[in-house]
Amino acid sequence: MGIRDLAKRLTASIDEIDAARLQTRFSGLQLTPIGEMPLRRPIRIGGEVSRIRSTPRSGVPAFEIVISDGTGDATAVFTGRRNVGGIEHGRGILLEGVASVDRGRPVLVNPAYTLLP
């Protein structure tokens, strides 16, 4: 680590450091960055779970998670479920599915998922 790298780390905000950490964690997995993901096409994204909530959608229970990879956030909705075993705050996860926009945010409905250690 050089002097310039040290100076960047000392002057960077916590959000910038966290975004860099997430980008490093999920690099090399051949994933589409969340900030660049196309809509209405099959994609594979990964990130850390940053928010979890269980809320009804059209009268049906739904389990929602928000993941972040340092380039953006995406929401995954698992309909008909109140929870999904193994998914917890801070856990790494890979999602595969088709993204669409719901209320101005990218959403994957019932994606295939792989939990990371």
Protein backbone atom coordinates (compact mmCIF):
# COMPACT_ATOMS: atom_id res chain seq x y z
CA MET A 1 0.00 0.00 0.00
CA GLY A 2 1.46 3.33 -1.05
CA ILE A 3 1.10 6.79 0.43
CA ARG A 4 -1.65 7.70 -2.07
CA ASP A 5 -3.68 4.61 -1.19
CA LEU A 6 -3.33 5.40 2.49
CA ALA A 7 -4.37 9.01 1.91
CA LYS A 8 -7.47 7.85 -0.03
CA ARG A 9 -8.48 5.47 2.75
CA LEU A 10 -8.01 8.11 5.43
CA THR A 11 -10.09 10.70 3.59
CA ALA A 12 -12.81 8.32 2.30
CA SER A 13 -16.20 8.20 3.96
CA ILE A 14 -17.50 5.03 5.61
CA ASP A 15 -19.95 4.53 2.73
CA GLU A 16 -17.13 4.70 0.17
CA ILE A 17 -15.03 2.20 2.11
CA ASP A 18 -18.00 -0.17 2.46
CA ALA A 19 -18.82 0.09 -1.26
CA ALA A 20 -15.20 -0.74 -2.15
CA ARG A 21 -15.27 -3.71 0.25
CA LEU A 22 -18.46 -5.06 -1.33
CA GLN A 23 -17.14 -4.62 -4.87
CA THR A 24 -13.99 -6.54 -3.93
CA ARG A 25 -15.97 -9.32 -2.20
CA PHE A 26 -18.12 -10.03 -5.26
CA SER A 27 -15.52 -9.54 -7.99
CA GLY A 28 -14.42 -12.60 -9.94
CA LEU A 29 -17.81 -14.36 -9.69
CA GLN A 30 -18.93 -13.31 -13.20
CA LEU A 31 -21.86 -11.30 -11.86
CA THR A 32 -23.66 -8.34 -13.36
CA PRO A 33 -23.12 -5.23 -11.19
CA ILE A 34 -26.43 -4.13 -9.69
CA GLY A 35 -25.83 -0.56 -10.87
CA GLU A 36 -25.62 -1.80 -14.48
CA MET A 37 -28.18 -4.61 -14.52
CA PRO A 38 -30.53 -4.70 -17.50
CA LEU A 39 -34.28 -4.99 -17.05
CA ARG A 40 -36.42 -7.82 -18.43
CA ARG A 41 -33.44 -10.06 -19.17
CA PRO A 42 -32.07 -13.04 -17.23
CA ILE A 43 -29.33 -11.83 -14.89
CA ARG A 44 -27.09 -13.08 -12.11
CA ILE A 45 -26.29 -10.63 -9.34
CA GLY A 46 -24.75 -10.90 -5.91
CA GLY A 47 -24.50 -8.81 -2.79
CA GLU A 48 -24.92 -8.62 0.95
CA VAL A 49 -28.35 -8.54 2.54
CA SER A 50 -28.81 -5.02 3.91
CA ARG A 51 -32.55 -5.03 4.72
CA ILE A 52 -35.16 -7.67 5.47
CA ARG A 53 -38.91 -7.34 5.87
CA SER A 54 -42.00 -9.48 5.72
CA THR A 55 -44.99 -7.69 4.27
CA PRO A 56 -48.17 -8.69 2.44
CA ARG A 57 -48.47 -8.00 -1.29
CA SER A 58 -52.02 -8.15 -2.67
CA GLY A 59 -53.11 -10.07 0.42
CA VAL A 60 -50.41 -12.74 0.07
CA PRO A 61 -47.42 -12.91 2.46
CA ALA A 62 -44.13 -11.81 0.92
CA PHE A 63 -40.56 -11.90 2.19
CA GLU A 64 -38.45 -9.02 0.84
CA ILE A 65 -34.70 -8.53 1.01
CA VAL A 66 -32.55 -5.70 -0.27
CA ILE A 67 -29.04 -6.59 -1.38
CA SER A 68 -26.13 -4.30 -2.14
CA ASP A 69 -22.90 -4.95 -4.05
CA GLY A 70 -21.32 -1.51 -3.75
CA THR A 71 -22.65 -0.30 -7.12
CA GLY A 72 -26.33 -0.22 -6.20
CA ASP A 73 -29.23 -1.91 -4.43
CA ALA A 74 -31.78 -4.46 -5.66
CA THR A 75 -34.83 -5.97 -4.01
CA ALA A 76 -35.76 -9.65 -4.13
CA VAL A 77 -39.35 -10.64 -3.29
CA PHE A 78 -40.25 -14.20 -2.33
CA THR A 79 -44.04 -14.41 -2.56
CA GLY A 80 -46.06 -16.74 -0.39
CA ARG A 81 -43.36 -16.87 2.30
CA ARG A 82 -42.85 -15.14 5.61
CA ASN A 83 -39.15 -16.06 5.80
CA VAL A 84 -36.47 -17.98 3.94
CA GLY A 85 -34.11 -20.16 5.93
CA GLY A 86 -30.49 -19.01 5.97
CA ILE A 87 -31.16 -15.48 4.75
CA GLU A 88 -30.11 -13.00 7.40
CA HIS A 89 -28.73 -9.48 7.63
CA GLY A 90 -25.14 -9.23 6.31
CA ARG A 91 -25.23 -12.63 4.55
CA GLY A 92 -23.79 -12.89 1.05
CA ILE A 93 -26.22 -14.14 -1.58
CA LEU A 94 -26.33 -14.73 -5.34
CA LEU A 95 -29.64 -14.16 -7.14
CA GLU A 96 -30.68 -15.32 -10.61
CA GLY A 97 -33.83 -14.09 -12.27
CA VAL A 98 -35.41 -11.36 -14.37
CA ALA A 99 -35.45 -7.82 -13.00
CA SER A 100 -38.24 -5.32 -13.42
CA VAL A 101 -38.96 -1.91 -11.94
CA ASP A 102 -41.44 -1.55 -9.09
CA ARG A 103 -41.92 1.86 -7.49
CA GLY A 104 -38.71 3.14 -9.05
CA ARG A 105 -36.45 0.34 -7.78
CA PRO A 106 -35.15 -2.85 -9.43
CA VAL A 107 -37.01 -5.95 -8.19
CA LEU A 108 -36.56 -9.67 -8.79
CA VAL A 109 -39.67 -11.73 -7.98
CA ASN A 110 -39.06 -15.30 -6.75
CA PRO A 111 -35.44 -15.49 -7.93
CA ALA A 112 -33.27 -18.57 -7.62
CA TYR A 113 -30.73 -17.95 -4.87
CA THR A 114 -27.45 -19.32 -3.56
CA LEU A 115 -26.25 -18.46 -0.06
CA LEU A 116 -22.58 -17.58 0.35
CA PRO A 117 -20.50 -18.16 3.48
